[in-house]
N, C-alpha and C. Protein backbone atom coordinates (compact mmCIF):
# COMPACT_ATOMS: atom_id res chain seq x y z
N MET A 1 -18.16 2.32 20.07
CA MET A 1 -17.65 3.67 19.88
C MET A 1 -16.52 3.93 20.86
N PHE A 2 -15.63 4.84 20.45
CA PHE A 2 -14.47 5.19 21.24
C PHE A 2 -14.31 6.71 21.24
N THR A 3 -13.38 7.21 22.06
CA THR A 3 -13.14 8.66 22.13
C THR A 3 -11.82 9.06 21.50
N GLY A 4 -10.95 8.12 21.23
CA GLY A 4 -9.62 8.47 20.73
C GLY A 4 -8.69 8.90 21.85
N ILE A 5 -9.09 8.65 23.10
CA ILE A 5 -8.23 8.93 24.25
C ILE A 5 -7.57 7.61 24.66
N ILE A 6 -6.30 7.46 24.39
CA ILE A 6 -5.59 6.20 24.64
C ILE A 6 -5.41 6.01 26.15
N THR A 7 -5.78 4.83 26.63
CA THR A 7 -5.69 4.58 28.07
C THR A 7 -4.55 3.63 28.44
N ALA A 8 -3.95 2.99 27.45
CA ALA A 8 -2.82 2.09 27.75
C ALA A 8 -2.08 1.77 26.47
N MET A 9 -0.84 1.31 26.63
CA MET A 9 -0.10 0.74 25.51
C MET A 9 0.02 -0.75 25.76
N GLY A 10 -0.27 -1.53 24.72
CA GLY A 10 -0.11 -2.97 24.80
C GLY A 10 1.09 -3.40 23.97
N THR A 11 1.41 -4.70 24.07
CA THR A 11 2.54 -5.27 23.33
C THR A 11 2.09 -6.53 22.63
N ILE A 12 2.41 -6.67 21.37
CA ILE A 12 2.10 -7.91 20.65
C ILE A 12 2.99 -9.02 21.21
N ALA A 13 2.35 -10.01 21.83
CA ALA A 13 3.08 -11.11 22.46
C ALA A 13 3.26 -12.30 21.52
N LYS A 14 2.29 -12.49 20.60
CA LYS A 14 2.35 -13.63 19.68
C LYS A 14 1.56 -13.32 18.43
N VAL A 15 2.08 -13.78 17.29
CA VAL A 15 1.39 -13.67 16.01
C VAL A 15 1.21 -15.07 15.46
N ASP A 16 -0.03 -15.47 15.23
CA ASP A 16 -0.34 -16.81 14.73
C ASP A 16 -0.89 -16.67 13.30
N GLU A 17 -0.13 -17.18 12.34
CA GLU A 17 -0.54 -17.11 10.94
C GLU A 17 -0.93 -18.48 10.39
N THR A 18 -1.21 -19.44 11.28
CA THR A 18 -1.54 -20.81 10.85
C THR A 18 -3.03 -20.99 10.62
N ARG A 19 -3.82 -19.96 10.92
CA ARG A 19 -5.27 -20.06 10.81
C ARG A 19 -5.74 -19.33 9.56
N GLY A 20 -7.03 -19.34 9.31
CA GLY A 20 -7.60 -18.61 8.17
C GLY A 20 -7.41 -17.12 8.31
N ASP A 21 -7.61 -16.58 9.52
CA ASP A 21 -7.35 -15.18 9.83
C ASP A 21 -6.08 -15.08 10.67
N LYS A 22 -5.43 -13.93 10.62
CA LYS A 22 -4.25 -13.73 11.46
C LYS A 22 -4.71 -13.51 12.90
N ARG A 23 -4.05 -14.15 13.84
CA ARG A 23 -4.42 -14.05 15.25
C ARG A 23 -3.28 -13.39 16.02
N PHE A 24 -3.63 -12.41 16.87
CA PHE A 24 -2.66 -11.71 17.70
C PHE A 24 -3.00 -11.93 19.17
N VAL A 25 -1.99 -12.23 19.98
CA VAL A 25 -2.12 -12.22 21.43
C VAL A 25 -1.45 -10.93 21.90
N ILE A 26 -2.18 -10.14 22.69
CA ILE A 26 -1.74 -8.81 23.09
C ILE A 26 -1.61 -8.75 24.61
N ASP A 27 -0.40 -8.48 25.09
CA ASP A 27 -0.19 -8.25 26.52
C ASP A 27 -0.64 -6.84 26.85
N THR A 28 -1.31 -6.70 28.00
CA THR A 28 -1.86 -5.39 28.39
C THR A 28 -1.63 -5.15 29.87
N PRO A 29 -1.47 -3.89 30.28
CA PRO A 29 -1.40 -3.59 31.71
C PRO A 29 -2.75 -3.68 32.41
N TRP A 30 -3.84 -3.79 31.62
CA TRP A 30 -5.17 -3.91 32.20
C TRP A 30 -5.36 -5.27 32.86
N ASN A 31 -6.21 -5.30 33.89
CA ASN A 31 -6.71 -6.55 34.43
C ASN A 31 -7.91 -6.95 33.57
N MET A 32 -7.79 -8.07 32.87
CA MET A 32 -8.81 -8.47 31.91
C MET A 32 -9.96 -9.26 32.54
N ASP A 33 -9.92 -9.47 33.87
CA ASP A 33 -10.95 -10.29 34.52
C ASP A 33 -12.36 -9.81 34.24
N ASP A 34 -12.56 -8.48 34.22
CA ASP A 34 -13.90 -7.92 34.05
C ASP A 34 -14.25 -7.63 32.59
N VAL A 35 -13.36 -7.96 31.66
CA VAL A 35 -13.62 -7.72 30.24
C VAL A 35 -14.18 -9.01 29.65
N PRO A 36 -15.43 -8.99 29.16
CA PRO A 36 -16.03 -10.23 28.66
C PRO A 36 -15.50 -10.62 27.29
N LEU A 37 -15.56 -11.91 27.00
CA LEU A 37 -15.29 -12.35 25.63
C LEU A 37 -16.31 -11.68 24.72
N GLY A 38 -15.87 -11.27 23.55
CA GLY A 38 -16.75 -10.56 22.63
C GLY A 38 -16.70 -9.06 22.78
N ALA A 39 -15.98 -8.56 23.80
CA ALA A 39 -15.85 -7.11 23.98
C ALA A 39 -15.04 -6.51 22.84
N SER A 40 -15.30 -5.24 22.56
CA SER A 40 -14.55 -4.51 21.54
C SER A 40 -13.45 -3.68 22.19
N ILE A 41 -12.25 -3.76 21.62
CA ILE A 41 -11.13 -2.95 22.07
C ILE A 41 -10.49 -2.33 20.84
N ALA A 42 -10.25 -1.02 20.91
CA ALA A 42 -9.56 -0.34 19.82
C ALA A 42 -8.06 -0.59 19.97
N CYS A 43 -7.49 -1.23 18.97
CA CYS A 43 -6.07 -1.57 18.97
C CYS A 43 -5.38 -0.75 17.89
N SER A 44 -4.67 0.31 18.32
CA SER A 44 -4.10 1.30 17.39
C SER A 44 -5.15 1.76 16.40
N GLY A 45 -6.35 2.00 16.91
CA GLY A 45 -7.42 2.58 16.12
C GLY A 45 -8.35 1.58 15.46
N CYS A 46 -8.03 0.29 15.50
CA CYS A 46 -8.87 -0.74 14.86
C CYS A 46 -9.74 -1.41 15.90
N CYS A 47 -11.04 -1.39 15.68
CA CYS A 47 -11.97 -2.05 16.59
C CYS A 47 -11.86 -3.56 16.40
N LEU A 48 -11.37 -4.25 17.42
CA LEU A 48 -11.17 -5.70 17.35
C LEU A 48 -11.91 -6.38 18.50
N THR A 49 -12.30 -7.63 18.28
CA THR A 49 -13.11 -8.39 19.23
C THR A 49 -12.25 -9.34 20.04
N VAL A 50 -12.44 -9.32 21.35
CA VAL A 50 -11.72 -10.23 22.25
C VAL A 50 -12.28 -11.64 22.06
N VAL A 51 -11.43 -12.57 21.59
CA VAL A 51 -11.89 -13.95 21.37
C VAL A 51 -11.33 -14.92 22.42
N ASP A 52 -10.33 -14.48 23.16
CA ASP A 52 -9.75 -15.27 24.25
C ASP A 52 -9.02 -14.29 25.15
N LYS A 53 -8.73 -14.71 26.39
CA LYS A 53 -8.05 -13.79 27.29
C LYS A 53 -7.42 -14.55 28.44
N THR A 54 -6.43 -13.91 29.06
CA THR A 54 -5.89 -14.33 30.36
C THR A 54 -6.01 -13.10 31.26
N LYS A 55 -5.43 -13.17 32.44
CA LYS A 55 -5.55 -12.04 33.37
C LYS A 55 -4.98 -10.76 32.78
N ASN A 56 -3.86 -10.84 32.05
CA ASN A 56 -3.21 -9.64 31.52
C ASN A 56 -2.92 -9.71 30.03
N SER A 57 -3.74 -10.47 29.29
CA SER A 57 -3.60 -10.48 27.83
C SER A 57 -4.95 -10.80 27.21
N PHE A 58 -5.06 -10.48 25.93
CA PHE A 58 -6.25 -10.87 25.19
C PHE A 58 -5.86 -11.22 23.76
N THR A 59 -6.74 -11.96 23.11
CA THR A 59 -6.48 -12.47 21.77
C THR A 59 -7.54 -11.93 20.82
N VAL A 60 -7.09 -11.54 19.61
CA VAL A 60 -8.00 -11.04 18.58
C VAL A 60 -7.68 -11.73 17.26
N ASP A 61 -8.70 -11.89 16.43
CA ASP A 61 -8.53 -12.38 15.07
C ASP A 61 -8.71 -11.20 14.12
N VAL A 62 -7.88 -11.15 13.07
CA VAL A 62 -7.92 -10.05 12.12
C VAL A 62 -8.08 -10.62 10.71
N SER A 63 -9.13 -10.18 10.02
CA SER A 63 -9.43 -10.68 8.69
C SER A 63 -8.51 -10.07 7.63
N ALA A 64 -8.50 -10.68 6.47
CA ALA A 64 -7.71 -10.17 5.35
C ALA A 64 -8.17 -8.76 4.97
N GLU A 65 -9.47 -8.49 5.05
CA GLU A 65 -10.01 -7.16 4.75
C GLU A 65 -9.40 -6.11 5.68
N SER A 66 -9.37 -6.41 6.97
CA SER A 66 -8.78 -5.46 7.93
C SER A 66 -7.29 -5.29 7.69
N LEU A 67 -6.60 -6.37 7.37
CA LEU A 67 -5.16 -6.28 7.11
C LEU A 67 -4.89 -5.41 5.89
N SER A 68 -5.79 -5.45 4.91
CA SER A 68 -5.57 -4.69 3.67
C SER A 68 -5.80 -3.20 3.85
N LYS A 69 -6.54 -2.80 4.88
CA LYS A 69 -6.90 -1.39 5.07
C LYS A 69 -6.12 -0.72 6.20
N THR A 70 -5.26 -1.47 6.89
CA THR A 70 -4.60 -0.96 8.09
C THR A 70 -3.11 -1.28 8.07
N ASN A 71 -2.44 -0.89 9.16
CA ASN A 71 -1.02 -1.25 9.32
C ASN A 71 -0.83 -2.49 10.20
N LEU A 72 -1.91 -3.22 10.48
CA LEU A 72 -1.81 -4.38 11.37
C LEU A 72 -0.92 -5.48 10.80
N GLY A 73 -0.81 -5.55 9.48
CA GLY A 73 0.06 -6.55 8.87
C GLY A 73 1.52 -6.34 9.21
N ASN A 74 1.86 -5.14 9.70
CA ASN A 74 3.25 -4.84 10.10
C ASN A 74 3.54 -5.25 11.55
N TRP A 75 2.50 -5.65 12.30
CA TRP A 75 2.72 -6.00 13.70
C TRP A 75 3.52 -7.29 13.81
N THR A 76 4.53 -7.28 14.66
CA THR A 76 5.33 -8.46 14.97
C THR A 76 5.44 -8.57 16.48
N GLU A 77 5.98 -9.68 16.96
CA GLU A 77 6.17 -9.82 18.41
C GLU A 77 7.02 -8.66 18.92
N GLY A 78 6.52 -8.00 19.97
CA GLY A 78 7.22 -6.87 20.56
C GLY A 78 6.70 -5.52 20.11
N THR A 79 5.88 -5.48 19.05
CA THR A 79 5.31 -4.21 18.59
C THR A 79 4.42 -3.60 19.67
N LYS A 80 4.61 -2.31 19.94
CA LYS A 80 3.76 -1.58 20.89
C LYS A 80 2.54 -1.03 20.14
N ILE A 81 1.37 -1.14 20.76
CA ILE A 81 0.14 -0.63 20.15
C ILE A 81 -0.66 0.17 21.17
N ASN A 82 -1.49 1.09 20.68
CA ASN A 82 -2.37 1.88 21.54
C ASN A 82 -3.64 1.09 21.83
N LEU A 83 -4.13 1.21 23.06
CA LEU A 83 -5.34 0.50 23.47
C LEU A 83 -6.37 1.47 24.05
N GLU A 84 -7.63 1.23 23.69
CA GLU A 84 -8.74 1.96 24.29
C GLU A 84 -9.94 1.03 24.36
N SER A 85 -10.56 0.94 25.54
CA SER A 85 -11.77 0.14 25.67
C SER A 85 -12.95 0.95 25.14
N SER A 86 -14.03 0.25 24.78
CA SER A 86 -15.18 0.93 24.17
C SER A 86 -15.91 1.78 25.21
N LEU A 87 -16.59 2.81 24.70
CA LEU A 87 -17.36 3.72 25.56
C LEU A 87 -18.53 3.01 26.22
N ARG A 88 -18.83 3.45 27.42
CA ARG A 88 -20.08 3.05 28.09
C ARG A 88 -20.94 4.29 28.21
N PHE A 89 -22.27 4.12 28.22
CA PHE A 89 -23.14 5.27 28.41
C PHE A 89 -22.77 5.97 29.71
N GLY A 90 -22.63 7.28 29.65
CA GLY A 90 -22.26 8.07 30.82
C GLY A 90 -20.78 8.38 30.89
N ASP A 91 -19.93 7.73 30.05
CA ASP A 91 -18.50 8.02 30.05
C ASP A 91 -18.26 9.42 29.50
N GLU A 92 -17.19 10.06 29.99
CA GLU A 92 -16.81 11.37 29.48
C GLU A 92 -16.33 11.24 28.04
N LEU A 93 -16.78 12.17 27.19
CA LEU A 93 -16.34 12.21 25.80
C LEU A 93 -15.22 13.23 25.71
N GLY A 94 -13.97 12.76 25.96
CA GLY A 94 -12.84 13.67 26.04
C GLY A 94 -12.20 13.99 24.70
N GLY A 95 -12.34 13.09 23.72
CA GLY A 95 -11.75 13.34 22.41
C GLY A 95 -12.85 13.67 21.43
N HIS A 96 -13.00 12.84 20.38
CA HIS A 96 -14.16 12.96 19.49
C HIS A 96 -14.66 11.54 19.23
N LEU A 97 -15.86 11.40 18.72
CA LEU A 97 -16.39 10.07 18.49
C LEU A 97 -15.60 9.35 17.41
N VAL A 98 -15.10 8.19 17.75
CA VAL A 98 -14.28 7.37 16.87
C VAL A 98 -14.92 6.00 16.78
N SER A 99 -15.08 5.47 15.58
CA SER A 99 -15.77 4.19 15.42
C SER A 99 -14.84 2.99 15.50
N GLY A 100 -13.53 3.21 15.27
CA GLY A 100 -12.61 2.08 15.22
C GLY A 100 -12.60 1.41 13.85
N HIS A 101 -13.21 2.06 12.86
CA HIS A 101 -13.21 1.56 11.49
C HIS A 101 -12.23 2.38 10.68
N VAL A 102 -11.06 1.83 10.43
CA VAL A 102 -9.97 2.55 9.78
C VAL A 102 -10.31 2.77 8.31
N ASP A 103 -10.11 4.01 7.84
CA ASP A 103 -10.42 4.36 6.46
C ASP A 103 -9.25 4.12 5.52
N GLY A 104 -8.05 4.15 6.04
CA GLY A 104 -6.88 3.96 5.19
C GLY A 104 -5.61 4.14 6.00
N VAL A 105 -4.51 4.07 5.29
CA VAL A 105 -3.19 4.19 5.93
C VAL A 105 -2.56 5.50 5.51
N ALA A 106 -2.13 6.30 6.48
CA ALA A 106 -1.42 7.54 6.24
C ALA A 106 0.07 7.30 6.49
N VAL A 107 0.90 8.22 6.02
CA VAL A 107 2.35 8.09 6.18
C VAL A 107 2.88 9.27 6.98
N LEU A 108 3.71 8.98 7.96
CA LEU A 108 4.36 10.02 8.76
C LEU A 108 5.49 10.62 7.94
N GLU A 109 5.30 11.86 7.49
CA GLU A 109 6.26 12.52 6.60
C GLU A 109 7.41 13.17 7.34
N SER A 110 7.11 13.82 8.48
CA SER A 110 8.18 14.51 9.20
C SER A 110 7.79 14.71 10.65
N ILE A 111 8.82 14.86 11.49
CA ILE A 111 8.65 15.16 12.92
C ILE A 111 9.57 16.34 13.21
N THR A 112 9.00 17.47 13.69
CA THR A 112 9.79 18.67 13.95
C THR A 112 9.52 19.14 15.37
N PRO A 113 10.58 19.29 16.21
CA PRO A 113 10.36 19.85 17.54
C PRO A 113 9.80 21.27 17.43
N GLU A 114 8.85 21.58 18.31
CA GLU A 114 8.23 22.92 18.33
C GLU A 114 7.94 23.24 19.78
N GLY A 115 8.83 23.98 20.43
CA GLY A 115 8.74 24.17 21.88
C GLY A 115 8.95 22.82 22.55
N ASP A 116 8.08 22.48 23.50
CA ASP A 116 8.14 21.16 24.13
C ASP A 116 7.39 20.10 23.33
N SER A 117 6.66 20.54 22.32
CA SER A 117 5.83 19.63 21.52
C SER A 117 6.56 19.19 20.26
N ARG A 118 5.88 18.37 19.47
CA ARG A 118 6.37 17.99 18.14
C ARG A 118 5.30 18.29 17.13
N ARG A 119 5.72 18.80 15.97
CA ARG A 119 4.82 19.02 14.86
C ARG A 119 5.01 17.88 13.87
N LEU A 120 3.93 17.14 13.61
CA LEU A 120 3.98 16.02 12.67
C LEU A 120 3.29 16.43 11.38
N LYS A 121 3.90 16.06 10.26
CA LYS A 121 3.28 16.20 8.95
C LYS A 121 2.86 14.80 8.50
N ILE A 122 1.62 14.67 8.10
CA ILE A 122 1.03 13.39 7.74
C ILE A 122 0.50 13.45 6.32
N ARG A 123 0.87 12.46 5.48
CA ARG A 123 0.35 12.38 4.12
C ARG A 123 -0.76 11.33 4.06
N VAL A 124 -1.91 11.71 3.51
CA VAL A 124 -3.06 10.82 3.43
C VAL A 124 -3.24 10.35 1.98
N PRO A 125 -3.93 9.23 1.79
CA PRO A 125 -4.23 8.82 0.41
C PRO A 125 -5.04 9.90 -0.31
N GLN A 126 -4.79 10.05 -1.61
CA GLN A 126 -5.50 11.07 -2.40
C GLN A 126 -7.01 10.94 -2.27
N SER A 127 -7.50 9.70 -2.18
CA SER A 127 -8.95 9.48 -2.12
C SER A 127 -9.58 9.98 -0.81
N LEU A 128 -8.75 10.29 0.19
CA LEU A 128 -9.29 10.73 1.49
C LEU A 128 -8.98 12.18 1.81
N LYS A 129 -8.21 12.86 0.95
CA LYS A 129 -7.76 14.22 1.31
C LYS A 129 -8.90 15.21 1.48
N HIS A 130 -10.03 15.02 0.78
CA HIS A 130 -11.13 15.99 0.90
C HIS A 130 -11.89 15.85 2.22
N PHE A 131 -11.55 14.84 3.03
CA PHE A 131 -12.15 14.70 4.36
C PHE A 131 -11.37 15.46 5.44
N ILE A 132 -10.20 15.98 5.07
CA ILE A 132 -9.29 16.59 6.04
C ILE A 132 -9.44 18.10 5.97
N ALA A 133 -9.74 18.74 7.13
CA ALA A 133 -9.96 20.18 7.16
C ALA A 133 -9.28 20.80 8.37
N PRO A 134 -8.73 22.01 8.24
CA PRO A 134 -8.13 22.68 9.39
C PRO A 134 -9.13 22.80 10.54
N LYS A 135 -8.64 22.51 11.74
CA LYS A 135 -9.41 22.52 12.99
C LYS A 135 -10.43 21.39 13.05
N GLY A 136 -10.42 20.49 12.08
CA GLY A 136 -11.24 19.29 12.14
C GLY A 136 -10.54 18.24 12.99
N SER A 137 -11.18 17.09 13.11
CA SER A 137 -10.62 16.00 13.91
C SER A 137 -10.22 14.83 13.02
N VAL A 138 -9.27 14.07 13.51
CA VAL A 138 -8.81 12.87 12.83
C VAL A 138 -8.30 11.92 13.92
N ALA A 139 -8.32 10.63 13.64
CA ALA A 139 -7.70 9.68 14.56
C ALA A 139 -6.53 9.01 13.84
N LEU A 140 -5.36 9.05 14.46
CA LEU A 140 -4.16 8.39 13.95
C LEU A 140 -3.76 7.31 14.93
N ASP A 141 -3.74 6.06 14.47
CA ASP A 141 -3.49 4.92 15.36
C ASP A 141 -4.39 4.99 16.59
N GLY A 142 -5.62 5.48 16.37
CA GLY A 142 -6.61 5.54 17.44
C GLY A 142 -6.56 6.78 18.30
N ILE A 143 -5.61 7.69 18.05
CA ILE A 143 -5.43 8.88 18.88
C ILE A 143 -6.21 10.04 18.30
N SER A 144 -7.11 10.63 19.08
CA SER A 144 -7.90 11.77 18.64
C SER A 144 -7.02 13.01 18.58
N LEU A 145 -6.95 13.62 17.39
CA LEU A 145 -6.09 14.78 17.18
C LEU A 145 -6.84 15.87 16.43
N THR A 146 -6.44 17.12 16.67
CA THR A 146 -6.98 18.27 15.94
C THR A 146 -6.01 18.63 14.83
N ILE A 147 -6.56 18.81 13.64
CA ILE A 147 -5.75 19.16 12.47
C ILE A 147 -5.42 20.65 12.54
N ASN A 148 -4.14 20.98 12.36
CA ASN A 148 -3.73 22.39 12.38
C ASN A 148 -3.82 23.04 11.02
N GLU A 149 -3.15 22.46 10.04
CA GLU A 149 -3.15 23.03 8.71
C GLU A 149 -3.18 21.92 7.68
N VAL A 150 -3.63 22.25 6.47
CA VAL A 150 -3.76 21.27 5.40
C VAL A 150 -3.17 21.88 4.12
N GLU A 151 -2.38 21.10 3.42
CA GLU A 151 -1.89 21.49 2.10
C GLU A 151 -1.97 20.29 1.18
N ASP A 152 -2.98 20.29 0.31
CA ASP A 152 -3.27 19.19 -0.60
C ASP A 152 -3.50 17.91 0.22
N ASP A 153 -2.61 16.91 0.11
CA ASP A 153 -2.81 15.64 0.81
C ASP A 153 -1.94 15.50 2.06
N VAL A 154 -1.42 16.62 2.56
CA VAL A 154 -0.59 16.61 3.77
C VAL A 154 -1.22 17.53 4.80
N PHE A 155 -1.30 17.04 6.05
CA PHE A 155 -1.79 17.90 7.12
C PHE A 155 -0.83 17.85 8.30
N GLY A 156 -0.95 18.86 9.15
CA GLY A 156 -0.09 18.95 10.33
C GLY A 156 -0.87 18.81 11.61
N VAL A 157 -0.26 18.16 12.60
CA VAL A 157 -0.82 18.07 13.94
C VAL A 157 0.28 18.38 14.95
N ASN A 158 -0.12 18.95 16.07
CA ASN A 158 0.81 19.25 17.15
C ASN A 158 0.64 18.20 18.24
N ILE A 159 1.74 17.58 18.65
CA ILE A 159 1.68 16.52 19.67
C ILE A 159 2.34 17.03 20.94
N ILE A 160 1.53 17.16 21.99
CA ILE A 160 2.07 17.64 23.28
C ILE A 160 2.89 16.52 23.92
N PRO A 161 3.78 16.87 24.87
CA PRO A 161 4.66 15.86 25.48
C PRO A 161 3.90 14.69 26.09
N HIS A 162 2.77 14.93 26.75
CA HIS A 162 2.02 13.83 27.36
C HIS A 162 1.62 12.80 26.31
N THR A 163 1.03 13.25 25.21
CA THR A 163 0.59 12.33 24.15
C THR A 163 1.79 11.62 23.53
N TRP A 164 2.89 12.34 23.35
CA TRP A 164 4.11 11.75 22.80
C TRP A 164 4.61 10.61 23.69
N ASP A 165 4.50 10.80 25.01
CA ASP A 165 5.05 9.83 25.97
C ASP A 165 4.15 8.62 26.21
N VAL A 166 2.82 8.80 26.18
CA VAL A 166 1.92 7.71 26.60
C VAL A 166 1.26 6.98 25.43
N THR A 167 1.61 7.35 24.21
CA THR A 167 1.09 6.65 23.03
C THR A 167 2.26 6.18 22.17
N THR A 168 1.93 5.46 21.11
CA THR A 168 2.97 4.95 20.22
C THR A 168 3.54 6.02 19.29
N LEU A 169 2.96 7.22 19.27
CA LEU A 169 3.49 8.26 18.38
C LEU A 169 4.96 8.53 18.65
N GLY A 170 5.37 8.46 19.92
CA GLY A 170 6.76 8.70 20.27
C GLY A 170 7.71 7.60 19.82
N LYS A 171 7.16 6.50 19.32
CA LYS A 171 7.97 5.38 18.87
C LYS A 171 8.06 5.29 17.34
N HIS A 172 7.24 6.08 16.64
CA HIS A 172 7.23 6.02 15.18
C HIS A 172 8.37 6.82 14.57
N LYS A 173 8.79 6.39 13.39
CA LYS A 173 9.80 7.10 12.62
C LYS A 173 9.18 7.57 11.31
N THR A 174 9.81 8.56 10.69
CA THR A 174 9.30 9.05 9.41
C THR A 174 9.27 7.91 8.39
N GLY A 175 8.26 7.96 7.56
CA GLY A 175 8.07 6.93 6.55
C GLY A 175 7.19 5.78 6.99
N GLU A 176 6.87 5.72 8.29
CA GLU A 176 6.05 4.62 8.79
C GLU A 176 4.56 4.89 8.59
N ALA A 177 3.80 3.81 8.57
CA ALA A 177 2.35 3.87 8.31
C ALA A 177 1.58 4.05 9.61
N LEU A 178 0.53 4.87 9.54
CA LEU A 178 -0.38 5.11 10.66
C LEU A 178 -1.79 4.82 10.21
N ASN A 179 -2.58 4.18 11.08
CA ASN A 179 -3.99 3.95 10.78
C ASN A 179 -4.73 5.28 10.83
N LEU A 180 -5.49 5.57 9.79
CA LEU A 180 -6.20 6.84 9.68
C LEU A 180 -7.70 6.60 9.71
N GLU A 181 -8.37 7.26 10.64
CA GLU A 181 -9.84 7.28 10.64
C GLU A 181 -10.29 8.72 10.49
N ILE A 182 -11.04 8.99 9.45
CA ILE A 182 -11.53 10.34 9.23
C ILE A 182 -12.68 10.64 10.19
N ASP A 183 -12.92 11.91 10.39
CA ASP A 183 -13.97 12.35 11.30
C ASP A 183 -15.34 11.89 10.80
N MET A 184 -16.15 11.38 11.69
CA MET A 184 -17.47 10.85 11.33
C MET A 184 -18.35 11.92 10.69
N LEU A 185 -18.31 13.13 11.21
CA LEU A 185 -19.11 14.22 10.65
C LEU A 185 -18.65 14.51 9.22
N ALA A 186 -17.33 14.54 8.98
CA ALA A 186 -16.81 14.80 7.63
C ALA A 186 -17.28 13.72 6.67
N ARG A 187 -17.35 12.49 7.15
CA ARG A 187 -17.80 11.38 6.30
C ARG A 187 -19.25 11.61 5.83
N TYR A 188 -20.13 12.04 6.74
CA TYR A 188 -21.53 12.23 6.38
C TYR A 188 -21.73 13.46 5.50
N VAL A 189 -20.98 14.53 5.78
CA VAL A 189 -21.05 15.71 4.92
C VAL A 189 -20.62 15.35 3.50
N ALA A 190 -19.51 14.58 3.40
CA ALA A 190 -19.03 14.18 2.08
C ALA A 190 -20.05 13.29 1.37
N ARG A 191 -20.73 12.44 2.11
CA ARG A 191 -21.76 11.58 1.53
C ARG A 191 -22.88 12.43 0.92
N ILE A 192 -23.28 13.44 1.66
CA ILE A 192 -24.33 14.33 1.17
C ILE A 192 -23.89 15.04 -0.10
N LEU A 193 -22.60 15.40 -0.16
CA LEU A 193 -22.05 16.11 -1.31
C LEU A 193 -21.64 15.17 -2.43
N GLY A 194 -21.79 13.85 -2.20
CA GLY A 194 -21.46 12.87 -3.23
C GLY A 194 -19.99 12.57 -3.36
N LYS A 195 -19.23 12.72 -2.24
CA LYS A 195 -17.78 12.45 -2.26
C LYS A 195 -17.47 11.37 -1.23
N ASP A 196 -17.96 10.18 -1.46
CA ASP A 196 -17.78 9.07 -0.52
C ASP A 196 -16.30 8.73 -0.35
N ALA A 197 -15.99 8.13 0.83
CA ALA A 197 -14.66 7.57 1.05
C ALA A 197 -14.52 6.35 0.18
N ALA A 198 -13.29 6.09 -0.27
CA ALA A 198 -13.02 4.92 -1.12
C ALA A 198 -13.17 3.66 -0.32
């Protein structure tokens, strides 16, 4: 489990497509000495397993299933990604509970300055729009955000300068894909009502 509070930005150092699964080597500002092999790290919202590491990098394998549901297939050498280590019992829950299981890919429709912040409009797949509610939570590329308003399959979020500066949101352009994880509570309510996620 994660909180959606990004603690670092990593960089894709190498992409290996010679294996059955796609393999990424990720440079990180973290000291990886205390991170065990098999640990889970949220990489732009996707829960991935550390399969190898050096002092300041780690390696993950990504299956075809994960590539089909996320924007990870767009990662190339030099791509910046958001990083969050998994929760430990007793950690502060600063965002909302995030599983690292991406539900689909959303599209960044617009970026509008609003005071010192930016207002982003995000379009979600039609099959997921009923999970999105004003003042509800969503994770975009692993970032815990509060939804401001919703109109059909488009919702708005306000991004404060700190979040803009320390996450990859400040590097995205309109039309680009973002990993979308719907709120866990919304998922269970929809299940009860018979409106499962696709």
